[in-house]
Structure formats: C-alpha cells, structure tokens
Amino acid sequence: MKVKLWSKVTFVMVALVMMALPLASACAPAAAPPTEGPPVAAKPHVTIHNIIDLTGAYAPIAIPSEKGGKHFLAWMAEQGGLDVDGDGVGDVIVDYHWAEFGNVDSRFMASYKRFRLEKPLIMEMWSSPNQEMLKPICERDEIPMYGIGFSDPQLYPPAWNYMDCWSYGESCAGAIEWYYDEVFEPAHPGEKMQVAHLTWSSAYGRAGEEPSTRAGENNGKWEVVACEHCLTHPTDPEVMAYLTSFEGMGVDMVWSNTIVNTPAVIMKGLHKLDLYPEMVHGANLWAPADQLLQINGPTTSEGYFCPQPVYVPACDPDQAGVKFAKMLQDTYGRGEAWLPNIQYMRGVRMKANMTESVRRALVGVMDRDGCDLAAACDRVTGKDVKEMGLQTLAGYECYDLCPLMGAPAGKDDRRLADTDRVVGVKDGKVVVLSGWYKVPRLIPEEMKAQGYFPDEEVKYTRTPL
C-alpha cells in the first residue's frame, strides 16, 4: 500500500509541475517577433483574470479547458496582442493573471481579494457555489464575473454574474425534451416520461432539479419522480442501490449534474444491472461523451448522452472552429493525442469571449471619451466591459467554435449562449445525436412579475434551429 500511495502522489506532483510550466507562461505577455515598427513593450496593456481549480474534483474538466484558453492567448500574443481595430495586427498586450484554488473556499476568497486590488476588467470563475457566494460582492465591486458554473440563482435576479452558456436548468430541460420527442414518445405514445436526478448535493449538483421539474409541469411531457444525491466520488454499490430503487419506481431517464466521473459510475451500474436501454442516462456538459468513452470504454459507455454548446472534434473534424483549435494544440501543445477535445474547445471559447468583450469596451471608451487607444486602456473599467462588451456579444461568431452566440437576449439576460446539440456514444463512438436547438427559456414567473426581463419571452420548450 505504501508503494502504491507514493506512486499516486508522485504522479500527481509530477503532473502538476508539468502542467504549471506552460500555464505560468500565460501569466506574462509572450514576446512577439521583432518588427520594424515600435517595440512590443510600447504597446498598451490590459489584464484579464481567472480563479480556477486545476486540482481536486474538477481537474478532469478544468485542465483541458485551461490548456485551450492558454493556447489561444499564446496565439494572440504571437499576433502582437488583441486586434482592436480589426486590421489583422495586434494593438494591445493581454496580460493574464490566474490563481489555482483547488475547490477550497478560503483559497478562492483569498485569490479574489488579491485580484480585486488590480481593478479587474473581467474575472473568469469556476464553480457555481463560489459564484453564487460572490454575486453580491462582484456587484458591489463592479467586477463582471464570467463564470463556467451555470446555476440558475446567478441569473435571477440579474447582477454582474455572466455565464458562458445557458443555465444548467435550461440545458437539462432541453436535453430531456430532446430525448422525449425523438426517442421516448415515438416508442411510448401518450405516456409521460419518468425522470430521476442522481447528482451531487451542492448548488451545482442540484441545479437542474427545480427548473426541469417546472418545465415538465408546464409542457406535460415528463415528471420528475426522484432527486437523490450521491458522493462526489461515488462507489459502484452506492450508485447501483439508487438505480435499483429507480427501477422499482419505473424511471425511464436518470439525469446527473456532475462531472464525468459520476456518470461513468452510473453508466457502469446501468449496464451491470441490465437496465439499459429501458433506463437511460444523460448528464450536463461537464461530463462530455468523449471523456466518458475514454474512462469506461465502449461497452459501458453505450447509450450515454449529453448536451454540448460547441462543435466536437471527434464528430466535426472539418468544422472551421475545430481546425482552429487543432492548430492551436499542434502549435502550442505538448503532443497530447487526446486534444483538442470538447473541454479544450470550451476553454478556447471562454478566452475568446473574454478578450472580445474587452476589445468592444475599448472601442466604446474611445468613442465615448474621444481618446486614443492607450488612454482607453488606462480608463476602461469593469463596468465598461459589462455594458459595452459582455452585454453585446449576441451574434458574435467566436472563431466558428460554435453557432453564433445567441445571447444575451435582452437587457437583463446574463447568458452568452442559448444553443445546444446532443452528443452521445453509439456503437462505441462519439456521435452527434441531434441538430442544434435553442434551449428552453426558464425565467421564473416571479421575476417577470418583479419587472425583470421585460424584453424576453418565457418558452418552456426547445426550438430547433
């Protein structure tokens, strides 16, 4: 046991050191090749921030995401920085300051307090509980939060929390409705589908429960009959006990709002208990099908599905955004054959959205104040990035990594995307199972009654594009 424990610890330490070297290089602007014009050092600077957990439970999704984002910033640095005027030449150096907090709240708050002193323009954050905790603080400090945790309370009422996507509840309801419309209802005409949640007991884990229940009540297509909570690293016996209970309740679908390790155990249980295909399993975007297939292999991955908001390298090799991501990985990566994957694509998109928001704010400050770019870099604030950047990203093409950004859809909307596509494992391969669709818009009625979201409609059903 001592030898095995030492081996695991050594492997983790070596992996973290190897990972930290390229990540640290992103903290400082990369040197651009010599040019005949002014030196790169003469260019103005802006800074973006990130508090991320590259260790702990979220490491499987955070590491490839951050690799994609880091490679995008390295590519931008080689172009000379952020191209503000669209002439193909970089104008502003983007400094990148990040902190690793290992899913520990005290480290998260310490990192935020340190970064707050730098008057951030935009701060990327990881984990719904931390983002919910910081919602009133970011609003007070006028720092726009760009979060990859999508719990619904961050949206209602709207504040300074912006999401890379729709909410977990909206995505969950959209995927359940896809399965009902395309698979369940044709085989069981007139029946109401029975759905159970098997997820973590956290703000993140429970995020799909109430919205999917409300959506099912409104569209009449399914009923949520159980909400059970498992360990962050569940065991086979624990999960199989829940699945056996679900079988007795007539559950047709199990949904999990976790990361890939939990759906991997659930899929093993479904196949061990011979419950598939009568009972199927779907999970949120942080449990991507390509990673699950790597973990479980083809047999116990069969039938799994998850919604995804970006193009998938395993399925869309000829898509322009996938080719762009592959170029980034080939140029700046370390030869990892498993990249780019879905999470890598997400990481590229996150940094692209952040830098585009800053670019738009700089243009807005120059127009508003009649100043030059250097002065705009000195004057731009988080409020400017919020109002002239993030709030205006609807329609942004984002390097063709995904369909056009469909949100924010109104003045109170804090989502940056509203589209999904279901991806899954079929015949041992990652495949696209649905076309692109707009997720249901699940604004609570009390929010409308309070005067929020006056320019949006509440649509409890998905809309195919």
Protein backbone atom coordinates (compact mmCIF):
# COMPACT_ATOMS: atom_id res chain seq x y z
CA MET A 1 0.00 0.00 0.00
CA LYS A 2 2.87 2.42 0.77
CA VAL A 3 4.37 1.90 -2.64
CA LYS A 4 1.05 2.43 -4.37
CA LEU A 5 0.30 5.58 -2.37
CA TRP A 6 3.76 7.01 -3.08
CA SER A 7 3.30 6.29 -6.76
CA LYS A 8 -0.01 8.11 -6.92
CA VAL A 9 1.30 11.12 -5.03
CA THR A 10 4.42 11.25 -7.16
CA PHE A 11 2.38 11.03 -10.35
CA VAL A 12 0.10 13.88 -9.24
CA MET A 13 3.05 16.07 -8.23
CA VAL A 14 4.88 15.49 -11.48
CA ALA A 15 1.72 16.11 -13.48
CA LEU A 16 1.07 19.37 -11.68
CA VAL A 17 4.63 20.58 -12.20
CA MET A 18 4.49 19.73 -15.90
CA MET A 19 1.14 21.46 -16.18
CA ALA A 20 2.22 24.53 -14.26
CA LEU A 21 5.15 25.32 -16.54
CA PRO A 22 3.11 26.10 -19.66
CA LEU A 23 0.32 27.67 -17.63
CA ALA A 24 2.70 30.03 -15.88
CA SER A 25 3.96 31.25 -19.20
CA ALA A 26 0.49 32.59 -19.89
CA CYS A 27 0.72 34.94 -16.91
CA ALA A 28 3.15 37.20 -18.75
CA PRO A 29 2.81 38.50 -22.29
CA ALA A 30 4.66 36.37 -24.80
CA ALA A 31 7.45 38.10 -26.71
CA ALA A 32 6.49 38.87 -30.27
CA PRO A 33 8.99 38.51 -33.12
CA PRO A 34 10.99 41.68 -33.93
CA THR A 35 9.26 44.14 -36.23
CA GLU A 36 10.25 47.38 -37.95
CA GLY A 37 7.65 49.33 -36.00
CA PRO A 38 7.57 50.35 -32.34
CA PRO A 39 8.69 47.65 -29.89
CA VAL A 40 6.01 45.41 -28.42
CA ALA A 41 6.76 46.82 -24.97
CA ALA A 42 5.48 50.20 -26.20
CA LYS A 43 2.02 48.80 -26.73
CA PRO A 44 -0.64 49.41 -24.09
CA HIS A 45 -1.69 46.56 -21.81
CA VAL A 46 -4.94 45.22 -20.38
CA THR A 47 -5.30 42.39 -17.87
CA ILE A 48 -7.82 39.57 -17.58
CA HIS A 49 -8.14 37.34 -14.51
CA ASN A 50 -9.12 33.76 -13.71
CA ILE A 51 -9.66 31.82 -10.47
CA ILE A 52 -9.66 28.14 -11.43
CA ASP A 53 -9.38 24.76 -9.70
CA LEU A 54 -6.88 22.66 -11.62
CA THR A 55 -6.73 20.11 -8.80
CA GLY A 56 -9.47 18.26 -6.98
CA ALA A 57 -12.78 17.00 -8.32
CA TYR A 58 -12.94 19.43 -11.23
CA ALA A 59 -9.45 18.75 -12.59
CA PRO A 60 -10.62 16.44 -15.44
CA ILE A 61 -12.59 19.28 -17.00
CA ALA A 62 -10.55 22.28 -15.85
CA ILE A 63 -7.17 21.12 -17.17
CA PRO A 64 -8.09 20.66 -20.86
CA SER A 65 -10.23 23.81 -20.73
CA GLU A 66 -7.34 25.86 -19.42
CA LYS A 67 -4.95 24.36 -21.95
CA GLY A 68 -7.27 25.55 -24.73
CA GLY A 69 -7.55 29.02 -23.21
CA LYS A 70 -3.82 29.30 -22.61
CA HIS A 71 -3.05 28.25 -26.18
CA PHE A 72 -5.50 30.84 -27.51
CA LEU A 73 -3.77 33.59 -25.51
CA ALA A 74 -0.36 32.39 -26.73
CA TRP A 75 -1.61 32.59 -30.32
CA MET A 76 -2.99 36.09 -29.71
CA ALA A 77 0.36 37.18 -28.26
CA GLU A 78 2.13 35.98 -31.41
CA GLN A 79 -0.25 38.11 -33.46
CA GLY A 80 1.02 41.10 -31.49
CA GLY A 81 -1.81 41.13 -28.97
CA LEU A 82 -5.51 41.98 -29.11
CA ASP A 83 -6.52 43.33 -32.53
CA VAL A 84 -8.77 46.23 -31.55
CA ASP A 85 -9.34 47.88 -34.94
CA GLY A 86 -9.75 44.69 -37.00
CA ASP A 87 -6.81 45.25 -39.33
CA GLY A 88 -5.21 41.89 -38.53
CA VAL A 89 -2.42 43.38 -36.41
CA GLY A 90 -2.38 43.20 -32.63
CA ASP A 91 -2.73 46.53 -30.82
CA VAL A 92 -2.92 45.70 -27.11
CA ILE A 93 -0.96 43.21 -24.99
CA VAL A 94 -3.24 40.97 -22.92
CA ASP A 95 -1.74 40.08 -19.53
CA TYR A 96 -3.25 37.02 -17.89
CA HIS A 97 -3.32 36.66 -14.10
CA TRP A 98 -4.67 33.41 -12.68
CA ALA A 99 -4.87 31.56 -9.38
CA GLU A 100 -5.45 27.89 -8.56
CA PHE A 101 -7.77 27.29 -5.61
CA GLY A 102 -8.32 23.52 -5.58
CA ASN A 103 -12.06 23.88 -4.84
CA VAL A 104 -11.25 25.32 -1.39
CA ASP A 105 -13.44 28.30 -0.48
CA SER A 106 -10.82 30.07 1.64
CA ARG A 107 -8.29 29.95 -1.19
CA PHE A 108 -10.93 31.19 -3.60
CA MET A 109 -11.72 34.23 -1.44
CA ALA A 110 -8.05 34.96 -0.84
CA SER A 111 -7.45 34.95 -4.61
CA TYR A 112 -10.43 37.21 -5.22
CA LYS A 113 -9.31 39.71 -2.58
CA ARG A 114 -5.83 39.81 -4.08
CA PHE A 115 -7.08 40.26 -7.64
CA ARG A 116 -9.64 42.88 -6.60
CA LEU A 117 -6.78 45.25 -5.82
CA GLU A 118 -5.83 45.17 -9.51
CA LYS A 119 -9.24 46.60 -10.51
CA PRO A 120 -10.17 43.69 -12.81
CA LEU A 121 -11.93 44.26 -16.12
CA ILE A 122 -13.37 40.74 -16.21
CA MET A 123 -12.79 37.75 -13.97
CA GLU A 124 -13.31 34.15 -15.03
CA MET A 125 -14.51 31.88 -12.21
CA TRP A 126 -15.13 28.19 -11.70
CA SER A 127 -17.83 26.57 -9.56
CA SER A 128 -21.45 27.58 -9.00
CA PRO A 129 -21.24 27.71 -5.18
CA ASN A 130 -18.38 30.22 -5.28
CA GLN A 131 -20.07 32.28 -7.98
CA GLU A 132 -23.33 32.40 -6.03
CA MET A 133 -21.41 33.40 -2.90
CA LEU A 134 -19.67 36.20 -4.78
CA LYS A 135 -22.74 37.51 -6.61
CA PRO A 136 -23.40 40.49 -4.30
CA ILE A 137 -19.67 41.13 -3.84
CA CYS A 138 -18.90 41.37 -7.57
CA GLU A 139 -21.88 43.68 -7.99
CA ARG A 140 -20.60 45.87 -5.15
CA ASP A 141 -17.07 45.88 -6.58
CA GLU A 142 -18.33 46.39 -10.15
CA ILE A 143 -16.35 43.42 -11.47
CA PRO A 144 -18.10 41.42 -14.19
CA MET A 145 -17.86 37.72 -13.38
CA TYR A 146 -17.54 35.36 -16.34
CA GLY A 147 -18.48 32.04 -14.82
CA ILE A 148 -18.47 28.49 -16.03
CA GLY A 149 -20.81 27.45 -13.24
CA PHE A 150 -24.35 27.87 -14.56
CA SER A 151 -26.68 27.57 -11.56
CA ASP A 152 -29.96 29.40 -12.06
CA PRO A 153 -29.79 31.60 -8.88
CA GLN A 154 -26.96 33.54 -10.51
CA LEU A 155 -29.38 34.70 -13.22
CA TYR A 156 -32.34 35.59 -11.02
CA PRO A 157 -32.35 38.44 -10.29
CA PRO A 158 -29.70 39.63 -12.77
CA ALA A 159 -26.49 41.12 -11.39
CA TRP A 160 -22.85 41.09 -12.54
CA ASN A 161 -22.67 37.31 -12.99
CA TYR A 162 -22.33 36.33 -16.66
CA MET A 163 -22.41 32.73 -17.86
CA ASP A 164 -20.56 31.14 -20.75
CA CYS A 165 -23.87 29.38 -21.60
CA TRP A 166 -27.49 28.93 -20.68
CA SER A 167 -28.30 27.80 -17.15
CA TYR A 168 -27.96 24.19 -16.02
CA GLY A 169 -31.73 24.02 -15.63
CA GLU A 170 -32.35 25.20 -19.19
CA SER A 171 -29.83 22.79 -20.69
CA CYS A 172 -31.18 19.91 -18.61
CA ALA A 173 -34.76 20.61 -19.69
CA GLY A 174 -33.70 20.90 -23.34
CA ALA A 175 -31.89 17.55 -23.33
CA ILE A 176 -34.75 15.77 -21.55
CA GLU A 177 -37.19 17.20 -24.06
CA TRP A 178 -35.00 16.09 -26.97
CA TYR A 179 -35.00 12.52 -25.65
CA TYR A 180 -38.75 12.61 -25.07
CA ASP A 181 -39.52 14.00 -28.54
CA GLU A 182 -37.09 11.90 -30.57
CA VAL A 183 -36.83 8.60 -28.66
CA PHE A 184 -39.32 8.08 -25.85
CA GLU A 185 -42.62 9.40 -27.23
CA PRO A 186 -42.43 7.53 -30.57
CA ALA A 187 -41.97 4.28 -28.64
CA HIS A 188 -44.49 5.14 -25.89
CA PRO A 189 -47.16 7.35 -27.49
CA GLY A 190 -49.22 9.29 -24.99
CA GLU A 191 -47.13 8.27 -21.96
CA LYS A 192 -45.48 10.70 -19.59
CA MET A 193 -41.77 10.00 -19.11
CA GLN A 194 -40.45 9.39 -15.59
CA VAL A 195 -37.22 11.25 -14.76
CA ALA A 196 -34.93 10.88 -11.74
CA HIS A 197 -31.98 13.09 -10.74
CA LEU A 198 -28.92 11.33 -9.32
CA THR A 199 -26.42 14.06 -8.63
CA TRP A 200 -24.24 15.82 -6.06
CA SER A 201 -25.68 17.60 -3.04
CA SER A 202 -24.36 21.05 -3.90
CA ALA A 203 -25.63 24.18 -5.59
CA TYR A 204 -24.04 22.87 -8.77
CA GLY A 205 -25.27 19.29 -8.43
CA ARG A 206 -28.88 20.23 -7.66
CA ALA A 207 -29.05 22.98 -10.27
CA GLY A 208 -31.18 21.04 -12.74
CA GLU A 209 -33.77 19.72 -10.30
CA GLU A 210 -36.26 22.57 -9.82
CA PRO A 211 -36.08 24.01 -13.35
CA SER A 212 -36.56 20.61 -15.03
CA THR A 213 -39.45 19.85 -12.68
CA ARG A 214 -41.08 23.17 -13.55
CA ALA A 215 -40.53 22.65 -17.27
CA GLY A 216 -42.08 19.17 -17.15
CA GLU A 217 -45.11 20.51 -15.32
CA ASN A 218 -45.56 23.16 -17.99
CA ASN A 219 -45.11 21.02 -21.11
CA GLY A 220 -46.69 17.84 -19.70
CA LYS A 221 -44.07 15.59 -21.28
CA TRP A 222 -42.28 14.27 -18.19
CA GLU A 223 -42.46 14.10 -14.42
CA VAL A 224 -39.52 14.30 -12.03
CA VAL A 225 -40.20 11.46 -9.58
CA ALA A 226 -36.96 11.39 -7.57
CA CYS A 227 -33.98 13.58 -6.64
CA GLU A 228 -31.18 11.63 -4.96
CA HIS A 229 -27.68 12.80 -4.04
CA CYS A 230 -24.54 10.70 -4.21
CA LEU A 231 -20.95 11.21 -3.11
CA THR A 232 -18.65 13.40 -5.20
CA HIS A 233 -16.71 10.23 -5.99
CA PRO A 234 -19.49 7.63 -5.82
CA THR A 235 -18.89 3.91 -5.48
CA ASP A 236 -20.46 1.20 -7.60
CA PRO A 237 -22.58 -0.21 -4.73
CA GLU A 238 -23.90 3.24 -3.82
CA VAL A 239 -24.97 4.04 -7.37
CA MET A 240 -26.42 0.59 -8.05
CA ALA A 241 -28.58 0.86 -4.93
CA TYR A 242 -30.09 4.07 -6.29
CA LEU A 243 -30.58 2.57 -9.74
CA THR A 244 -32.35 -0.47 -8.27
CA SER A 245 -34.67 1.88 -6.40
CA PHE A 246 -35.32 3.83 -9.60
CA GLU A 247 -36.18 0.60 -11.42
CA GLY A 248 -38.92 -0.04 -8.88
CA MET A 249 -40.28 3.46 -9.50
CA GLY A 250 -40.47 2.96 -13.27
CA VAL A 251 -37.81 5.58 -14.03
CA ASP A 252 -37.06 6.00 -17.74
CA MET A 253 -34.20 8.51 -17.54
CA VAL A 254 -31.56 9.38 -14.95
CA TRP A 255 -30.03 12.86 -15.09
CA SER A 256 -26.82 13.95 -13.37
CA ASN A 257 -25.45 17.48 -12.99
CA THR A 258 -21.91 16.50 -12.06
CA ILE A 259 -18.65 15.91 -13.88
CA VAL A 260 -17.57 12.90 -15.88
CA ASN A 261 -16.51 10.57 -13.04
CA THR A 262 -20.06 10.27 -11.67
CA PRO A 263 -21.82 9.49 -14.99
CA ALA A 264 -19.06 6.93 -15.61
CA VAL A 265 -20.15 5.04 -12.48
CA ILE A 266 -23.84 5.46 -13.32
CA MET A 267 -23.31 4.03 -16.81
CA LYS A 268 -21.43 1.06 -15.36
CA GLY A 269 -24.34 0.45 -13.00
CA LEU A 270 -26.97 0.62 -15.74
CA HIS A 271 -25.14 -1.99 -17.76
CA LYS A 272 -24.23 -4.23 -14.81
CA LEU A 273 -27.87 -4.29 -13.68
CA ASP A 274 -29.05 -4.83 -17.28
CA LEU A 275 -31.29 -1.75 -17.04
CA TYR A 276 -30.20 -0.22 -20.34
CA PRO A 277 -31.91 0.57 -22.73
CA GLU A 278 -35.16 0.69 -20.73
CA MET A 279 -33.44 3.19 -18.42
CA VAL A 280 -31.04 5.68 -19.98
CA HIS A 281 -28.61 8.21 -18.60
CA GLY A 282 -27.84 11.77 -19.60
CA ALA A 283 -25.70 14.40 -17.92
CA ASN A 284 -24.67 18.00 -18.31
CA LEU A 285 -21.89 19.43 -20.46
CA TRP A 286 -19.18 18.93 -17.82
CA ALA A 287 -19.48 15.18 -18.38
CA PRO A 288 -18.54 15.12 -22.08
CA ALA A 289 -19.07 11.94 -24.06
CA ASP A 290 -15.52 11.82 -25.38
CA GLN A 291 -14.04 11.77 -21.88
CA LEU A 292 -16.58 9.21 -20.64
CA LEU A 293 -15.70 6.91 -23.53
CA GLN A 294 -12.02 7.20 -22.55
CA ILE A 295 -12.83 6.23 -18.95
CA ASN A 296 -15.38 3.45 -19.45
CA GLY A 297 -14.59 2.05 -22.86
CA PRO A 298 -17.27 1.34 -25.47
CA THR A 299 -19.35 -1.32 -23.70
CA THR A 300 -20.42 0.58 -20.59
CA SER A 301 -20.49 3.94 -22.38
CA GLU A 302 -23.10 2.78 -24.90
CA GLY A 303 -26.25 4.88 -24.83
CA TYR A 304 -24.85 7.79 -22.86
CA PHE A 305 -25.71 11.33 -23.99
CA CYS A 306 -25.04 14.93 -23.02
CA PRO A 307 -25.82 18.36 -24.49
CA GLN A 308 -22.86 20.41 -25.73
CA PRO A 309 -22.68 24.07 -26.84
CA VAL A 310 -19.57 23.76 -29.07
CA TYR A 311 -18.54 21.74 -32.09
CA VAL A 312 -16.96 18.41 -31.19
CA PRO A 313 -13.53 17.46 -32.57
CA ALA A 314 -14.43 13.76 -32.62
CA CYS A 315 -17.52 14.45 -34.75
CA ASP A 316 -16.78 17.69 -36.63
CA PRO A 317 -13.17 17.45 -37.88
CA ASP A 318 -13.88 19.64 -40.93
CA GLN A 319 -15.57 22.44 -38.97
CA ALA A 320 -13.57 25.67 -39.14
CA GLY A 321 -13.57 26.10 -35.36
CA VAL A 322 -12.29 22.57 -34.82
CA LYS A 323 -9.49 23.18 -37.32
CA PHE A 324 -8.61 26.39 -35.47
CA ALA A 325 -8.48 24.53 -32.16
CA LYS A 326 -6.36 21.78 -33.69
CA MET A 327 -3.93 24.40 -35.00
CA LEU A 328 -3.65 25.86 -31.50
CA GLN A 329 -2.98 22.46 -29.95
CA ASP A 330 -0.48 21.46 -32.66
CA THR A 331 1.38 24.76 -32.26
CA TYR A 332 1.36 25.33 -28.53
CA GLY A 333 0.52 21.94 -27.02
CA ARG A 334 2.71 19.10 -25.89
CA GLY A 335 1.65 16.47 -28.36
CA GLU A 336 -1.32 15.16 -26.36
CA ALA A 337 -3.14 12.99 -28.89
CA TRP A 338 -6.40 13.29 -26.92
CA LEU A 339 -6.57 17.05 -27.52
CA PRO A 340 -8.36 19.04 -28.71
CA ASN A 341 -11.44 17.59 -27.07
CA ILE A 342 -14.77 19.13 -26.10
CA GLN A 343 -13.36 20.78 -22.99
CA TYR A 344 -10.44 22.24 -24.94
CA MET A 345 -12.96 23.82 -27.34
CA ARG A 346 -14.81 25.30 -24.37
CA GLY A 347 -11.59 26.78 -22.99
CA VAL A 348 -10.76 28.46 -26.29
CA ARG A 349 -14.26 29.91 -26.45
CA MET A 350 -14.06 31.28 -22.92
CA LYS A 351 -10.88 33.24 -23.55
CA ALA A 352 -12.17 34.38 -26.96
CA ASN A 353 -15.34 35.77 -25.35
CA MET A 354 -13.36 37.50 -22.60
CA THR A 355 -10.93 39.20 -24.97
CA GLU A 356 -13.69 40.16 -27.41
CA SER A 357 -15.63 41.77 -24.56
CA VAL A 358 -12.55 43.80 -23.61
CA ARG A 359 -11.98 44.78 -27.26
CA ARG A 360 -15.53 46.07 -27.63
CA ALA A 361 -15.24 48.01 -24.40
CA LEU A 362 -12.01 49.67 -25.60
CA VAL A 363 -13.70 50.73 -28.82
CA GLY A 364 -16.63 52.04 -26.79
CA VAL A 365 -14.40 54.06 -24.46
CA MET A 366 -12.54 55.65 -27.41
CA ASP A 367 -15.87 56.64 -28.99
CA ARG A 368 -17.34 57.89 -25.73
CA ASP A 369 -14.33 59.87 -24.50
CA GLY A 370 -12.76 60.85 -27.81
CA CYS A 371 -9.45 59.39 -26.66
CA ASP A 372 -6.77 57.22 -28.22
CA LEU A 373 -6.24 53.52 -27.56
CA ALA A 374 -3.55 53.98 -24.91
CA ALA A 375 -5.81 56.30 -22.93
CA ALA A 376 -8.72 53.88 -23.36
CA CYS A 377 -6.60 51.07 -21.86
CA ASP A 378 -5.99 53.27 -18.83
CA ARG A 379 -9.62 54.36 -18.49
CA VAL A 380 -11.58 51.18 -19.27
CA THR A 381 -13.38 49.67 -16.28
CA GLY A 382 -15.26 46.51 -15.43
CA LYS A 383 -18.50 48.45 -15.87
CA ASP A 384 -17.45 49.31 -19.43
CA VAL A 385 -16.66 45.65 -20.19
CA LYS A 386 -20.02 44.63 -18.77
CA GLU A 387 -22.11 47.17 -20.65
CA MET A 388 -20.18 47.59 -23.91
CA GLY A 389 -18.67 44.10 -24.10
CA LEU A 390 -20.43 41.17 -22.47
CA GLN A 391 -23.90 42.61 -22.90
CA THR A 392 -23.36 42.98 -26.66
CA LEU A 393 -21.99 39.53 -27.60
CA ALA A 394 -25.20 38.19 -29.18
CA GLY A 395 -24.34 37.38 -32.79
CA TYR A 396 -20.58 37.06 -32.18
CA GLU A 397 -19.12 34.31 -34.41
CA CYS A 398 -16.40 33.33 -31.89
CA TYR A 399 -13.94 31.76 -34.34
CA ASP A 400 -16.63 29.31 -35.50
CA LEU A 401 -16.19 27.25 -32.35
CA CYS A 402 -19.98 27.10 -32.06
CA PRO A 403 -23.07 28.58 -33.69
CA LEU A 404 -23.40 32.35 -33.41
CA MET A 405 -23.62 33.44 -29.80
CA GLY A 406 -27.37 33.72 -29.25
CA ALA A 407 -27.40 35.69 -26.03
CA PRO A 408 -27.71 37.98 -24.14
CA ALA A 409 -31.25 38.03 -25.48
CA GLY A 410 -32.28 41.13 -23.56
CA LYS A 411 -31.08 43.80 -21.17
CA ASP A 412 -31.43 41.53 -18.11
CA ASP A 413 -30.08 38.36 -19.72
CA ARG A 414 -26.70 37.26 -18.34
CA ARG A 415 -26.16 34.23 -20.60
CA LEU A 416 -23.77 34.34 -23.55
CA ALA A 417 -25.15 31.31 -25.43
CA ASP A 418 -28.59 29.75 -25.76
CA THR A 419 -28.00 26.80 -28.11
CA ASP A 420 -27.24 23.13 -27.55
CA ARG A 421 -26.75 19.94 -29.50
CA VAL A 422 -26.94 16.44 -28.01
CA VAL A 423 -23.83 14.29 -28.33
CA GLY A 424 -23.53 10.68 -27.18
CA VAL A 425 -21.94 7.28 -27.51
CA LYS A 426 -23.37 4.93 -30.10
CA ASP A 427 -21.78 1.75 -31.42
CA GLY A 428 -18.64 2.56 -29.47
CA LYS A 429 -18.12 6.02 -30.99
CA VAL A 430 -18.86 9.61 -30.07
CA VAL A 431 -21.65 10.77 -32.38
CA VAL A 432 -23.95 13.76 -32.82
CA LEU A 433 -27.49 12.75 -31.87
CA SER A 434 -29.44 15.93 -32.55
CA GLY A 435 -29.42 19.12 -34.55
CA TRP A 436 -28.76 22.47 -32.91
CA TYR A 437 -31.66 23.91 -30.92
CA LYS A 438 -32.38 26.84 -28.62
CA VAL A 439 -32.72 25.65 -25.05
CA PRO A 440 -35.96 26.37 -23.18
CA ARG A 441 -36.01 29.80 -21.51
CA LEU A 442 -36.99 29.13 -17.91
CA ILE A 443 -37.34 32.57 -16.36
CA PRO A 444 -39.25 32.19 -13.06
CA GLU A 445 -42.62 33.87 -13.28
CA GLU A 446 -41.95 35.88 -10.11
CA MET A 447 -39.01 37.53 -11.87
CA LYS A 448 -41.30 38.74 -14.63
CA ALA A 449 -43.78 39.94 -12.01
CA GLN A 450 -41.00 41.99 -10.38
CA GLY A 451 -40.34 43.78 -13.67
CA TYR A 452 -37.26 41.88 -14.82
CA PHE A 453 -36.78 40.55 -18.38
CA PRO A 454 -39.40 42.82 -20.00
CA ASP A 455 -37.93 42.21 -23.48
CA GLU A 456 -37.91 38.38 -23.31
CA GLU A 457 -40.43 35.57 -23.61
CA VAL A 458 -40.65 32.57 -21.30
CA LYS A 459 -40.50 29.50 -23.56
CA TYR A 460 -40.66 26.17 -21.80
CA THR A 461 -39.80 24.16 -24.91
CA ARG A 462 -36.69 23.83 -27.03
CA THR A 463 -36.72 25.36 -30.50
CA PRO A 464 -34.80 23.52 -33.27
CA LEU A 465 -32.65 25.83 -35.38
